[in-house]
Amino acid sequence: MRYSIILLLLLFPLYLRRELQYQKQWFCTAQEVLSKDKQVIFNISPQLYSRLKNYPMFLYNYGAELHYAKEPELSNKILYRYLEKVADYDAWILIGCNYCEKSENHKSRNKQN
């Protein structure tokens, strides 16, 4: 029993360090998106998504970044996964904004034709 506790105490900092690296990488990605480099979210975030998909705040922030990058369908997909974990009014508003944006894009495409 004593050895298993010691082993856990030794492994926990390694696990924590790895999780903090993923969080830091997401923070850097979000900062780049806010600085107008929207392509970054499509290059880095899918890799982070596979690791951070169980963190509700990551899902919300990822959905919001996708909304900012004008990707309403993908944003809603991520936000619905967030809502499976957390009931959040702000997420519903963002989903509604995505639907409005999607509808406006559809109308402008029809006018161009």
Protein backbone atom coordinates (compact mmCIF):
# COMPACT_ATOMS: atom_id res chain seq x y z
CA MET A 1 0.00 0.00 0.00
CA ARG A 2 2.79 2.38 0.92
CA TYR A 3 4.58 1.84 -2.41
CA SER A 4 1.47 2.49 -4.44
CA ILE A 5 0.90 5.79 -2.61
CA ILE A 6 4.50 6.80 -3.20
CA LEU A 7 4.18 5.89 -6.88
CA LEU A 8 1.01 7.99 -7.18
CA LEU A 9 2.71 10.93 -5.48
CA LEU A 10 5.57 10.68 -7.98
CA LEU A 11 3.34 10.36 -11.05
CA PHE A 12 0.86 13.08 -10.18
CA PRO A 13 3.26 16.00 -10.85
CA LEU A 14 4.06 14.53 -14.28
CA TYR A 15 0.38 14.30 -15.12
CA LEU A 16 -0.24 17.82 -13.84
CA ARG A 17 2.68 19.19 -15.86
CA ARG A 18 1.32 17.64 -19.06
CA GLU A 19 -2.17 19.03 -18.47
CA LEU A 20 -0.76 22.49 -17.78
CA GLN A 21 1.21 22.34 -21.04
CA TYR A 22 -2.02 21.65 -22.96
CA GLN A 23 -3.73 24.55 -21.20
CA LYS A 24 -0.82 26.86 -22.01
CA GLN A 25 -0.86 25.78 -25.64
CA TRP A 26 -4.59 26.52 -25.85
CA PHE A 27 -4.05 29.94 -24.25
CA CYS A 28 -1.40 30.79 -26.85
CA THR A 29 -3.70 29.61 -29.65
CA ALA A 30 -6.58 31.73 -28.36
CA GLN A 31 -4.32 34.78 -28.15
CA GLU A 32 -3.21 34.32 -31.76
CA VAL A 33 -6.82 34.06 -32.92
CA LEU A 34 -7.67 37.28 -31.11
CA SER A 35 -4.75 38.97 -32.84
CA LYS A 36 -6.48 38.35 -36.19
CA ASP A 37 -4.63 35.16 -37.18
CA LYS A 38 -7.77 33.03 -37.48
CA GLN A 39 -6.09 30.22 -39.41
CA VAL A 40 -4.23 29.15 -36.26
CA ILE A 41 -7.41 27.73 -34.75
CA PHE A 42 -7.77 25.28 -37.63
CA ASN A 43 -4.14 24.12 -37.41
CA ILE A 44 -3.65 23.64 -33.68
CA SER A 45 -7.04 23.31 -32.02
CA PRO A 46 -8.09 19.91 -33.44
CA GLN A 47 -5.00 18.38 -31.83
CA LEU A 48 -5.77 20.08 -28.54
CA TYR A 49 -9.44 19.11 -28.81
CA SER A 50 -8.58 15.42 -28.63
CA ARG A 51 -6.76 16.06 -25.34
CA LEU A 52 -8.95 18.73 -23.74
CA LYS A 53 -12.45 17.69 -24.85
CA ASN A 54 -13.43 16.73 -21.31
CA TYR A 55 -12.83 20.25 -19.97
CA PRO A 56 -16.06 22.27 -20.24
CA MET A 57 -14.37 25.68 -20.29
CA PHE A 58 -12.12 24.57 -23.16
CA LEU A 59 -15.20 23.52 -25.13
CA TYR A 60 -16.88 26.86 -24.53
CA ASN A 61 -13.79 28.85 -25.44
CA TYR A 62 -13.13 26.72 -28.51
CA GLY A 63 -16.72 27.22 -29.66
CA ALA A 64 -16.43 30.96 -29.08
CA GLU A 65 -13.16 31.13 -31.03
CA LEU A 66 -14.77 29.24 -33.91
CA HIS A 67 -17.65 31.74 -33.83
CA TYR A 68 -15.13 34.57 -33.99
CA ALA A 69 -13.42 32.82 -36.93
CA LYS A 70 -16.78 32.78 -38.79
CA GLU A 71 -17.32 29.01 -38.57
CA PRO A 72 -20.87 28.83 -37.18
CA GLU A 73 -21.57 25.16 -37.91
CA LEU A 74 -18.40 23.89 -36.26
CA SER A 75 -18.86 26.35 -33.41
CA ASN A 76 -22.36 25.03 -32.70
CA LYS A 77 -21.14 21.44 -32.81
CA ILE A 78 -18.58 22.20 -30.10
CA LEU A 79 -20.99 24.33 -28.07
CA TYR A 80 -23.60 21.53 -28.01
CA ARG A 81 -20.93 19.23 -26.56
CA TYR A 82 -20.26 21.90 -23.94
CA LEU A 83 -23.96 22.06 -23.09
CA GLU A 84 -23.97 18.31 -22.43
CA LYS A 85 -21.68 19.05 -19.48
CA VAL A 86 -22.83 22.51 -18.35
CA ALA A 87 -26.14 24.34 -18.63
CA ASP A 88 -25.06 27.81 -19.69
CA TYR A 89 -27.10 30.75 -20.91
CA ASP A 90 -24.14 32.37 -22.71
CA ALA A 91 -23.56 29.26 -24.78
CA TRP A 92 -27.19 29.29 -25.94
CA ILE A 93 -26.84 32.95 -26.97
CA LEU A 94 -23.69 32.13 -28.91
CA ILE A 95 -25.47 29.23 -30.63
CA GLY A 96 -28.29 31.59 -31.59
CA CYS A 97 -25.78 34.08 -33.00
CA ASN A 98 -24.23 31.27 -35.02
CA TYR A 99 -27.61 30.34 -36.49
CA CYS A 100 -28.28 33.99 -37.38
CA GLU A 101 -24.87 34.29 -39.02
CA LYS A 102 -25.43 31.07 -40.92
CA SER A 103 -28.82 32.34 -42.10
CA GLU A 104 -27.33 35.69 -43.21
CA ASN A 105 -24.56 33.92 -45.11
CA HIS A 106 -27.16 31.75 -46.85
CA LYS A 107 -29.24 34.80 -47.80
CA SER A 108 -26.22 36.68 -49.18
CA ARG A 109 -25.22 33.67 -51.29
CA ASN A 110 -28.74 33.50 -52.77
CA LYS A 111 -28.64 37.22 -53.65
CA GLN A 112 -25.30 36.77 -55.45
CA ASN A 113 -26.77 34.04 -57.66
